[in-house]
Amino acid sequence: MTTAMTKSRNSVATVQDVAGQGRPLGSIAFAGTNGGDMAIAAAVQGRDISRGLSRARRAEILSRAAAMVLQQGDELARAITMESGKTIRQARKEVARCANTLTLSAEEAKRFVGEIIPFDSYPGLEDRQGHYTREPLGIVLAITPFNDPLNLVAHKVGPAIASGNAVILKPAVETPTPALMLAQFLYDAGLPPEVLSVVTGGGDVGAALVARPEVAMVSFTGGHVTGEAIARAAGLKRIAMDLGGNAPVIVLHDADLDRAVPDCVSGAFWAAGQNCIGVQRIFCHVTLYEQFCTAFLQQTAAMKLGDPLDPATDMGPMVSEAAAMRIEAWVNEAIAEGATCLIGNRRKGAIYAPTVLANVPKSSRVRCEEVFSPVVILEPWDNLDAVLKAANAPEFALHGAVFGRDIGLLQRVIDGLDTGGVMVNDSSDFRFDGMPFGGAKRGAMGREGVRFAMDEMSRTKVVCTRF
């Protein structure tokens, strides 16, 4: 594999086997400053090489890589589970979605074009004709998180290649293996190695790359503290960020609880709650609240916890014991402030039991901030305007959701939620890889979703011909 990290052995880090409760899984070389320099040098060559690849060639490479992902799906899924703690069932779904993201990228590579400009629509310009094209920016720096260590890499690398850019990829330090495997598939599919460099390392490596003037765009998924640091360091370049959320779900008086309850349980505890669009706050109409709570707690209690490699397991460990200790402290803090724990708040190592809270004060961190953990809040409501105000209170907003039948009320919620997306009669964590994806309010910068990411990773060039 031709990557910056394999050529720059400044330090070696141990990758933890989260599925095995923190046992060493292996070691990986961390790139130092010279590794970043090598990646920049390769990408400078790669941006011209990538731009010179025909649309058909880009599509062929991405399609071949998608096929390899499916062929090696079991190995990829196991790597995801071992490093992130995702259950093997969830990891297999991520593998399938990665293949779909690459396939969508291949398809969009063929039809990513501009438009005719009607210059003659303005009097006096009848002697002009023109159009615009979409041109690659050059070098895209992609910084990805641990919670979707394969598909979120594909969401950045696939569109960048499809639109003719070179890419420097910095995967999360906790989960580098799926990213490295995907990079190898792309090389094996025919991608010139200069077009994609993988740099493993800590925040110092990422910060150095962010500040490089050769980088035309930074695409980052992660926390808002890091996002703010990137924005300060980036300088005059394009930035796209997904900085997390605090998803509200509104259950109307006429909701189908046979659908709403299991969807919300899944949305709250998928990937041990380490999901930026996961269900965090559920507002249920007072007429259904007791019934909803009873069913929700029953289904939560029935979840099987433990070994994520066991296909029967519903929820495995969080990415680290430190992460589980952090949310345990947050929940205990909320309880001290007056919240009621209906179930959960038990920790064994990195496994933190699915936790349901009620009566949570408005100032509690578990309500105001992104928990990124298997913790959900239940709350009754009887005034739609008031519940929309409560739903919109947090600073970060990716997705919201609503369950109900009344078209008029559904539309009021759709219009009233200040989020990047509203899922109707579905969990807030639903995402199709071809739809626009991004936040609202603070930190909402750019959109992912293959075609929409390609727009972010390109610029227009206008051609006007006078006859």
Protein backbone atom coordinates (compact mmCIF):
# COMPACT_ATOMS: atom_id res chain seq x y z
CA MET A 1 0.00 0.00 0.00
CA THR A 2 1.41 3.37 -0.98
CA THR A 3 0.45 5.62 1.89
CA ALA A 4 2.22 8.26 3.87
CA MET A 5 1.82 6.27 7.05
CA THR A 6 3.68 3.21 5.77
CA LYS A 7 6.65 5.29 4.74
CA SER A 8 6.98 7.43 7.85
CA ARG A 9 7.55 5.43 11.02
CA ASN A 10 8.05 8.26 13.48
CA SER A 11 6.11 6.43 16.18
CA VAL A 12 4.08 3.29 16.61
CA ALA A 13 0.67 3.17 18.32
CA THR A 14 -1.22 0.18 19.64
CA VAL A 15 -4.68 -0.38 18.19
CA GLN A 16 -7.08 -1.60 20.87
CA ASP A 17 -9.36 -4.58 20.37
CA VAL A 18 -12.57 -3.02 21.71
CA ALA A 19 -14.49 -6.24 21.09
CA GLY A 20 -11.95 -8.02 23.30
CA GLN A 21 -12.28 -5.45 26.11
CA GLY A 22 -9.16 -3.47 25.34
CA ARG A 23 -6.61 -6.16 24.54
CA PRO A 24 -3.96 -5.09 22.01
CA LEU A 25 -5.09 -5.85 18.48
CA GLY A 26 -1.94 -4.76 16.72
CA SER A 27 0.28 -1.77 16.08
CA ILE A 28 0.27 0.90 13.44
CA ALA A 29 2.84 3.46 12.39
CA PHE A 30 2.01 7.08 13.10
CA ALA A 31 3.12 9.67 10.59
CA GLY A 32 5.09 12.58 11.94
CA THR A 33 5.67 15.92 10.26
CA ASN A 34 7.59 14.35 7.41
CA GLY A 35 4.67 11.97 6.80
CA GLY A 36 2.41 14.96 6.27
CA ASP A 37 5.00 16.50 3.95
CA MET A 38 5.09 13.28 1.91
CA ALA A 39 1.31 13.19 1.68
CA ILE A 40 1.22 16.80 0.44
CA ALA A 41 3.93 16.08 -2.14
CA ALA A 42 2.03 13.05 -3.42
CA ALA A 43 -1.26 14.95 -3.51
CA VAL A 44 0.27 17.82 -5.51
CA GLN A 45 1.07 15.26 -8.21
CA GLY A 46 -2.19 13.45 -7.63
CA ARG A 47 -4.44 16.45 -8.26
CA ASP A 48 -3.21 16.66 -11.86
CA ILE A 49 -3.40 12.89 -12.30
CA SER A 50 -6.95 12.73 -10.91
CA ARG A 51 -8.11 15.65 -13.03
CA GLY A 52 -6.76 13.85 -16.09
CA LEU A 53 -8.74 10.68 -15.44
CA SER A 54 -11.81 10.46 -17.63
CA ARG A 55 -15.22 10.24 -16.01
CA ALA A 56 -15.47 6.69 -17.28
CA ARG A 57 -12.16 5.76 -15.67
CA ARG A 58 -13.09 7.29 -12.32
CA ALA A 59 -16.40 5.43 -12.41
CA GLU A 60 -14.67 2.17 -13.30
CA ILE A 61 -12.22 2.45 -10.37
CA LEU A 62 -14.97 3.27 -7.87
CA SER A 63 -17.20 0.46 -9.15
CA ARG A 64 -14.39 -2.07 -8.90
CA ALA A 65 -13.61 -0.94 -5.36
CA ALA A 66 -17.28 -1.29 -4.42
CA ALA A 67 -17.23 -4.88 -5.66
CA MET A 68 -14.10 -5.61 -3.62
CA VAL A 69 -15.77 -4.20 -0.51
CA LEU A 70 -18.60 -6.69 -0.91
CA GLN A 71 -16.22 -9.55 -1.71
CA GLN A 72 -14.18 -8.86 1.43
CA GLY A 73 -17.24 -7.92 3.48
CA ASP A 74 -16.70 -10.42 6.29
CA GLU A 75 -13.12 -9.29 6.86
CA LEU A 76 -14.10 -5.63 6.76
CA ALA A 77 -17.02 -6.15 9.14
CA ARG A 78 -14.80 -7.98 11.60
CA ALA A 79 -12.25 -5.15 11.51
CA ILE A 80 -15.01 -2.61 12.20
CA THR A 81 -16.31 -4.63 15.14
CA MET A 82 -12.90 -5.33 16.65
CA GLU A 83 -11.79 -1.70 16.62
CA SER A 84 -15.05 0.20 17.23
CA GLY A 85 -17.15 -2.21 19.27
CA LYS A 86 -20.05 -2.13 16.81
CA THR A 87 -21.95 -5.38 16.72
CA ILE A 88 -21.14 -7.64 13.80
CA ARG A 89 -24.67 -7.23 12.46
CA GLN A 90 -24.27 -3.45 12.46
CA ALA A 91 -20.80 -3.71 10.93
CA ARG A 92 -22.14 -5.82 8.06
CA LYS A 93 -24.73 -3.15 7.33
CA GLU A 94 -21.99 -0.53 7.28
CA VAL A 95 -20.04 -2.60 4.76
CA ALA A 96 -23.10 -2.79 2.49
CA ARG A 97 -23.62 0.96 2.80
CA CYS A 98 -19.97 1.63 1.95
CA ALA A 99 -20.35 -0.36 -1.27
CA ASN A 100 -23.49 1.65 -2.06
CA THR A 101 -21.70 4.96 -1.39
CA LEU A 102 -18.89 4.00 -3.77
CA THR A 103 -21.43 2.85 -6.37
CA LEU A 104 -23.31 6.15 -6.11
CA SER A 105 -19.98 7.96 -6.49
CA ALA A 106 -19.23 5.95 -9.65
CA GLU A 107 -22.63 6.80 -11.10
CA GLU A 108 -22.31 10.51 -10.29
CA ALA A 109 -18.82 10.63 -11.79
CA LYS A 110 -20.40 9.97 -15.20
CA ARG A 111 -23.03 12.72 -15.00
CA PHE A 112 -21.33 15.43 -12.98
CA VAL A 113 -21.67 18.26 -15.48
CA GLY A 114 -22.58 21.93 -15.72
CA GLU A 115 -25.37 23.70 -17.62
CA ILE A 116 -26.04 25.97 -20.57
CA ILE A 117 -26.28 29.65 -19.59
CA PRO A 118 -29.02 31.58 -21.48
CA PHE A 119 -27.09 34.79 -22.14
CA ASP A 120 -29.67 35.84 -24.72
CA SER A 121 -32.31 36.11 -21.99
CA TYR A 122 -30.98 39.64 -21.42
CA PRO A 123 -31.43 42.23 -24.24
CA GLY A 124 -28.22 43.00 -26.07
CA LEU A 125 -26.55 39.65 -25.38
CA GLU A 126 -28.08 37.76 -28.31
CA ASP A 127 -24.63 37.33 -29.86
CA ARG A 128 -23.34 35.33 -26.90
CA GLN A 129 -23.59 31.67 -25.96
CA GLY A 130 -22.12 29.95 -22.99
CA HIS A 131 -22.09 27.29 -20.35
CA TYR A 132 -20.41 26.41 -17.08
CA THR A 133 -18.50 23.31 -16.06
CA ARG A 134 -17.75 21.79 -12.65
CA GLU A 135 -14.01 21.75 -11.93
CA PRO A 136 -12.22 19.93 -9.06
CA LEU A 137 -10.83 22.05 -6.25
CA GLY A 138 -7.50 20.18 -6.17
CA ILE A 139 -6.58 18.58 -2.84
CA VAL A 140 -9.22 17.54 -0.30
CA LEU A 141 -8.17 16.73 3.27
CA ALA A 142 -10.65 14.23 4.75
CA ILE A 143 -10.68 13.75 8.54
CA THR A 144 -13.00 10.96 9.66
CA PRO A 145 -14.37 9.70 13.03
CA PHE A 146 -14.40 6.29 14.71
CA ASN A 147 -18.13 5.59 14.81
CA ASP A 148 -18.55 4.77 11.09
CA PRO A 149 -14.93 4.01 10.22
CA LEU A 150 -15.65 2.65 6.75
CA ASN A 151 -18.72 4.34 5.30
CA LEU A 152 -17.84 7.85 6.46
CA VAL A 153 -14.47 7.40 4.78
CA ALA A 154 -16.30 6.40 1.59
CA HIS A 155 -18.52 9.49 1.93
CA LYS A 156 -15.47 11.71 1.62
CA VAL A 157 -13.10 9.73 -0.57
CA GLY A 158 -15.72 8.54 -3.10
CA PRO A 159 -17.10 11.99 -4.05
CA ALA A 160 -13.62 13.53 -4.01
CA ILE A 161 -12.33 11.00 -6.54
CA ALA A 162 -15.53 11.15 -8.59
CA SER A 163 -15.15 14.93 -8.95
CA GLY A 164 -11.49 14.70 -9.96
CA ASN A 165 -9.68 15.67 -6.76
CA ALA A 166 -6.71 14.20 -4.93
CA VAL A 167 -7.37 13.15 -1.34
CA ILE A 168 -5.37 13.04 1.87
CA LEU A 169 -7.24 10.86 4.34
CA LYS A 170 -6.67 11.00 8.09
CA PRO A 171 -8.80 8.31 9.77
CA ALA A 172 -9.60 8.20 13.47
CA VAL A 173 -6.74 6.90 15.61
CA GLU A 174 -9.07 4.37 17.26
CA THR A 175 -10.21 2.75 13.99
CA PRO A 176 -7.59 3.01 11.22
CA THR A 177 -7.85 -0.50 9.76
CA PRO A 178 -11.11 -0.21 7.77
CA ALA A 179 -9.84 3.00 6.14
CA LEU A 180 -6.53 1.37 5.22
CA MET A 181 -8.34 -1.64 3.77
CA LEU A 182 -10.59 0.59 1.65
CA ALA A 183 -7.59 2.52 0.39
CA GLN A 184 -5.96 -0.75 -0.69
CA PHE A 185 -9.11 -1.77 -2.57
CA LEU A 186 -9.03 1.54 -4.45
CA TYR A 187 -5.37 1.04 -5.37
CA ASP A 188 -6.10 -2.52 -6.48
CA ALA A 189 -9.01 -1.18 -8.56
CA GLY A 190 -6.58 1.02 -10.49
CA LEU A 191 -6.47 4.30 -8.58
CA PRO A 192 -3.04 5.91 -9.00
CA PRO A 193 -1.44 5.96 -5.52
CA GLU A 194 -0.70 9.68 -5.72
CA VAL A 195 -4.45 10.40 -5.82
CA LEU A 196 -5.04 8.99 -2.33
CA SER A 197 -2.69 9.17 0.65
CA VAL A 198 -3.59 7.83 4.09
CA VAL A 199 -1.94 9.54 7.04
CA THR A 200 -2.40 8.00 10.48
CA GLY A 201 -1.61 9.98 13.57
CA GLY A 202 -2.89 12.25 16.28
CA GLY A 203 -4.28 15.75 16.31
CA ASP A 204 -0.86 17.32 15.70
CA VAL A 205 -0.62 15.64 12.30
CA GLY A 206 -4.14 16.70 11.37
CA ALA A 207 -3.53 20.28 12.49
CA ALA A 208 -0.37 20.53 10.41
CA LEU A 209 -2.20 19.30 7.31
CA VAL A 210 -5.18 21.61 7.87
CA ALA A 211 -2.92 24.64 7.77
CA ARG A 212 -1.11 23.67 4.55
CA PRO A 213 -1.85 26.12 1.72
CA GLU A 214 -1.81 23.29 -0.85
CA VAL A 215 -5.00 21.89 0.70
CA ALA A 216 -8.01 23.41 -1.06
CA MET A 217 -10.70 21.93 1.18
CA VAL A 218 -11.05 20.30 4.59
CA SER A 219 -13.92 17.85 5.06
CA PHE A 220 -14.27 17.01 8.75
CA THR A 221 -16.65 14.89 10.81
CA GLY A 222 -16.24 15.07 14.56
CA GLY A 223 -16.71 17.22 17.65
CA HIS A 224 -17.31 20.97 17.72
CA VAL A 225 -14.16 21.74 19.75
CA THR A 226 -11.97 20.19 17.06
CA GLY A 227 -14.15 21.79 14.39
CA GLU A 228 -13.55 25.24 15.82
CA ALA A 229 -9.80 24.60 15.95
CA ILE A 230 -9.84 23.50 12.31
CA ALA A 231 -11.77 26.61 11.29
CA ARG A 232 -9.20 28.84 13.01
CA ALA A 233 -6.22 27.03 11.47
CA ALA A 234 -7.53 26.42 7.95
CA GLY A 235 -7.12 29.89 6.53
CA LEU A 236 -8.53 30.70 3.10
CA LYS A 237 -9.87 27.35 2.02
CA ARG A 238 -13.23 25.64 1.74
CA ILE A 239 -14.49 23.79 4.81
CA ALA A 240 -17.27 21.23 5.20
CA MET A 241 -18.10 19.97 8.68
CA ASP A 242 -20.48 17.63 10.46
CA LEU A 243 -20.17 18.58 14.12
CA GLY A 244 -22.79 16.36 15.71
CA GLY A 245 -26.36 16.70 16.87
CA ASN A 246 -28.90 16.19 19.63
CA ALA A 247 -31.80 14.61 17.82
CA PRO A 248 -35.36 15.28 19.01
CA VAL A 249 -38.21 12.90 18.23
CA ILE A 250 -41.82 14.10 18.57
CA VAL A 251 -44.50 11.45 19.04
CA LEU A 252 -47.93 12.86 18.15
CA HIS A 253 -51.22 11.79 19.75
CA ASP A 254 -52.11 9.53 16.81
CA ALA A 255 -48.74 7.82 16.35
CA ASP A 256 -48.48 4.11 15.61
CA LEU A 257 -46.58 2.89 18.68
CA ASP A 258 -45.91 -0.49 17.08
CA ARG A 259 -43.67 1.43 14.71
CA ALA A 260 -42.54 4.34 16.88
CA VAL A 261 -41.28 2.38 19.89
CA PRO A 262 -38.95 -0.12 18.15
CA ASP A 263 -37.69 2.56 15.78
CA CYS A 264 -36.82 4.83 18.71
CA VAL A 265 -35.18 1.98 20.67
CA SER A 266 -33.03 1.16 17.66
CA GLY A 267 -32.28 4.82 16.99
CA ALA A 268 -31.24 5.46 20.57
CA PHE A 269 -28.97 2.46 21.09
CA TRP A 270 -27.58 1.62 17.63
CA ALA A 271 -23.78 1.43 17.78
CA ALA A 272 -24.00 1.93 21.56
CA GLY A 273 -25.52 5.34 20.92
CA GLN A 274 -22.34 6.59 19.23
CA ASN A 275 -24.27 8.11 16.35
CA CYS A 276 -24.55 11.81 15.59
CA ILE A 277 -28.15 11.40 14.38
CA GLY A 278 -29.17 8.91 17.06
CA VAL A 279 -32.35 9.46 19.06
CA GLN A 280 -31.50 11.50 22.17
CA ARG A 281 -34.70 13.27 23.30
CA ILE A 282 -38.17 11.76 22.85
CA PHE A 283 -41.16 14.04 23.37
CA CYS A 284 -44.32 11.92 23.58
CA HIS A 285 -47.87 13.29 23.70
CA VAL A 286 -49.37 12.96 27.18
CA THR A 287 -52.16 10.67 25.96
CA LEU A 288 -49.61 8.06 24.83
CA TYR A 289 -46.79 8.74 27.26
CA GLU A 290 -47.40 5.94 29.78
CA GLN A 291 -48.05 3.37 27.05
CA PHE A 292 -44.97 4.50 25.14
CA CYS A 293 -42.77 4.39 28.27
CA THR A 294 -43.90 0.90 29.22
CA ALA A 295 -43.22 -0.53 25.76
CA PHE A 296 -39.94 1.38 25.39
CA LEU A 297 -38.59 0.11 28.72
CA GLN A 298 -39.68 -3.45 27.98
CA GLN A 299 -37.85 -3.47 24.64
CA THR A 300 -34.79 -1.80 26.15
CA ALA A 301 -34.64 -4.39 28.94
CA ALA A 302 -34.83 -7.19 26.38
CA MET A 303 -31.67 -6.05 24.55
CA LYS A 304 -28.76 -8.49 24.71
CA LEU A 305 -25.47 -6.86 25.69
CA GLY A 306 -21.98 -8.28 25.42
CA ASP A 307 -19.71 -9.73 22.75
CA PRO A 308 -20.17 -7.67 19.56
CA LEU A 309 -18.85 -10.57 17.45
CA ASP A 310 -21.86 -12.66 18.51
CA PRO A 311 -24.61 -12.17 15.87
CA ALA A 312 -27.22 -12.37 18.64
CA THR A 313 -25.80 -9.35 20.48
CA ASP A 314 -27.84 -6.16 20.22
CA MET A 315 -25.30 -3.78 21.75
CA GLY A 316 -21.62 -4.10 22.47
CA PRO A 317 -19.09 -1.83 24.18
CA MET A 318 -18.47 1.82 23.56
CA VAL A 319 -15.26 2.72 21.79
CA SER A 320 -13.33 2.86 25.08
CA GLU A 321 -13.78 2.52 28.81
CA ALA A 322 -13.03 6.24 29.11
CA ALA A 323 -16.02 6.99 26.88
CA ALA A 324 -18.26 4.81 29.05
CA MET A 325 -16.96 6.45 32.23
CA ARG A 326 -17.64 9.88 30.75
CA ILE A 327 -21.34 9.20 30.11
CA GLU A 328 -21.70 7.44 33.46
CA ALA A 329 -20.50 10.65 35.10
CA TRP A 330 -22.90 12.75 33.00
CA VAL A 331 -25.88 10.58 33.96
CA ASN A 332 -24.97 10.62 37.65
CA GLU A 333 -24.68 14.38 37.41
CA ALA A 334 -28.19 14.59 35.89
CA ILE A 335 -29.60 12.34 38.62
CA ALA A 336 -28.03 14.59 41.25
CA GLU A 337 -29.75 17.52 39.54
CA GLY A 338 -33.16 15.81 39.83
CA ALA A 339 -33.43 13.43 36.86
CA THR A 340 -34.99 9.98 37.27
CA CYS A 341 -33.25 6.89 35.87
CA LEU A 342 -35.92 4.51 34.57
CA ILE A 343 -33.49 1.82 33.47
CA GLY A 344 -29.75 1.38 32.98
CA ASN A 345 -26.86 3.47 34.30
CA ARG A 346 -24.78 0.34 34.80
CA ARG A 347 -21.25 0.04 33.50
CA LYS A 348 -18.89 -2.92 33.11
CA GLY A 349 -15.67 -1.79 31.52
CA ALA A 350 -16.52 -0.18 28.18
CA ILE A 351 -20.07 -1.57 28.17
CA TYR A 352 -22.56 0.99 29.41
CA ALA A 353 -26.11 -0.38 29.66
CA PRO A 354 -28.87 1.31 27.63
CA THR A 355 -30.13 4.09 29.87
CA VAL A 356 -33.48 5.88 29.89
CA LEU A 357 -33.98 9.10 31.86
CA ALA A 358 -37.03 11.18 32.77
CA ASN A 359 -37.55 14.50 34.54
CA VAL A 360 -34.23 15.78 33.22
CA PRO A 361 -33.61 19.46 34.05
CA LYS A 362 -33.23 21.80 31.08
CA SER A 363 -29.68 22.69 32.14
CA SER A 364 -28.36 19.10 32.38
CA ARG A 365 -25.57 18.20 29.99
CA VAL A 366 -27.35 15.00 28.92
CA ARG A 367 -30.16 17.20 27.62
CA CYS A 368 -28.25 20.21 26.28
CA GLU A 369 -25.22 18.54 24.70
CA GLU A 370 -24.68 15.60 22.38
CA VAL A 371 -24.45 12.49 24.58
CA PHE A 372 -22.99 10.23 21.85
CA SER A 373 -23.82 7.32 24.15
CA PRO A 374 -26.66 4.85 24.80
CA VAL A 375 -28.71 7.38 26.77
CA VAL A 376 -32.15 8.70 25.87
CA ILE A 377 -34.58 11.10 27.55
CA LEU A 378 -38.36 10.61 27.68
CA GLU A 379 -40.67 13.58 28.26
CA PRO A 380 -44.44 14.15 27.95
CA TRP A 381 -45.94 17.15 26.13
CA ASP A 382 -49.36 18.66 25.46
CA ASN A 383 -48.56 21.90 23.58
CA LEU A 384 -47.04 21.59 20.12
CA ASP A 385 -45.58 25.09 19.99
CA ALA A 386 -43.88 24.55 23.35
CA VAL A 387 -42.47 21.16 22.40
CA LEU A 388 -41.08 22.52 19.13
CA LYS A 389 -39.33 25.24 21.11
CA ALA A 390 -37.86 22.62 23.44
CA ALA A 391 -36.86 20.40 20.52
CA ASN A 392 -35.00 23.29 18.87
CA ALA A 393 -33.15 24.42 22.03
CA PRO A 394 -29.71 22.78 21.45
CA GLU A 395 -27.09 24.60 19.38
CA PHE A 396 -26.38 21.65 17.10
CA ALA A 397 -29.09 20.05 14.98
CA LEU A 398 -28.63 17.36 12.33
CA HIS A 399 -31.84 15.32 12.20
CA GLY A 400 -35.18 15.29 13.97
CA ALA A 401 -38.10 12.91 13.63
CA VAL A 402 -41.86 12.82 14.07
CA PHE A 403 -44.35 9.97 14.37
CA GLY A 404 -48.04 10.47 13.61
CA ARG A 405 -50.85 10.29 11.06
CA ASP A 406 -52.42 13.76 10.91
CA ILE A 407 -50.98 15.37 7.77
CA GLY A 408 -51.53 18.88 9.08
CA LEU A 409 -49.74 18.21 12.37
CA LEU A 410 -46.93 16.36 10.62
CA GLN A 411 -46.39 19.36 8.36
CA ARG A 412 -46.35 21.73 11.35
CA VAL A 413 -43.57 19.66 12.89
CA ILE A 414 -41.68 19.42 9.60
CA ASP A 415 -41.84 23.20 9.21
CA GLY A 416 -41.14 23.85 12.89
CA LEU A 417 -38.07 21.66 13.48
CA ASP A 418 -34.88 23.64 12.90
CA THR A 419 -32.81 20.68 11.73
CA GLY A 420 -30.94 19.59 8.64
CA GLY A 421 -33.43 16.77 8.04
CA VAL A 422 -36.79 15.54 9.35
CA MET A 423 -37.62 11.84 9.28
CA VAL A 424 -41.38 11.16 9.23
CA ASN A 425 -42.55 7.91 10.86
CA ASP A 426 -38.94 6.78 11.07
CA SER A 427 -36.05 7.08 13.48
CA SER A 428 -33.93 10.23 13.40
CA ASP A 429 -30.93 8.04 12.54
CA PHE A 430 -32.23 7.05 9.11
CA ARG A 431 -29.84 8.09 6.35
CA PHE A 432 -29.71 7.21 2.67
CA ASP A 433 -26.24 7.72 1.24
CA GLY A 434 -27.52 9.69 -1.74
CA MET A 435 -29.49 12.31 0.18
CA PRO A 436 -28.12 15.69 1.32
CA PHE A 437 -26.80 15.35 4.85
CA GLY A 438 -25.75 18.11 7.20
CA GLY A 439 -26.76 20.25 10.12
CA ALA A 440 -28.61 23.41 10.92
CA LYS A 441 -27.67 26.31 13.16
CA ARG A 442 -24.20 26.42 14.72
CA GLY A 443 -21.44 24.70 12.80
CA ALA A 444 -23.63 23.78 9.81
CA MET A 445 -21.06 23.96 7.02
CA GLY A 446 -21.66 22.14 3.76
CA ARG A 447 -23.45 18.93 2.89
CA GLU A 448 -22.53 15.28 2.44
CA GLY A 449 -24.43 12.73 0.38
CA VAL A 450 -22.55 11.84 -2.78
CA ARG A 451 -23.85 14.37 -5.32
CA PHE A 452 -24.03 17.12 -2.72
CA ALA A 453 -20.50 16.44 -1.48
CA MET A 454 -19.28 16.65 -5.07
CA ASP A 455 -20.80 20.13 -5.31
CA GLU A 456 -18.83 21.10 -2.21
CA MET A 457 -15.62 19.61 -3.65
CA SER A 458 -15.81 21.47 -6.95
CA ARG A 459 -16.13 24.96 -8.39
CA THR A 460 -17.82 26.39 -11.43
CA LYS A 461 -16.00 27.66 -14.53
CA VAL A 462 -18.00 29.88 -16.86
CA VAL A 463 -17.36 29.87 -20.63
CA CYS A 464 -18.87 32.71 -22.67
CA THR A 465 -18.40 32.92 -26.44
CA ARG A 466 -19.28 36.02 -28.44
CA PHE A 467 -20.06 35.52 -32.12
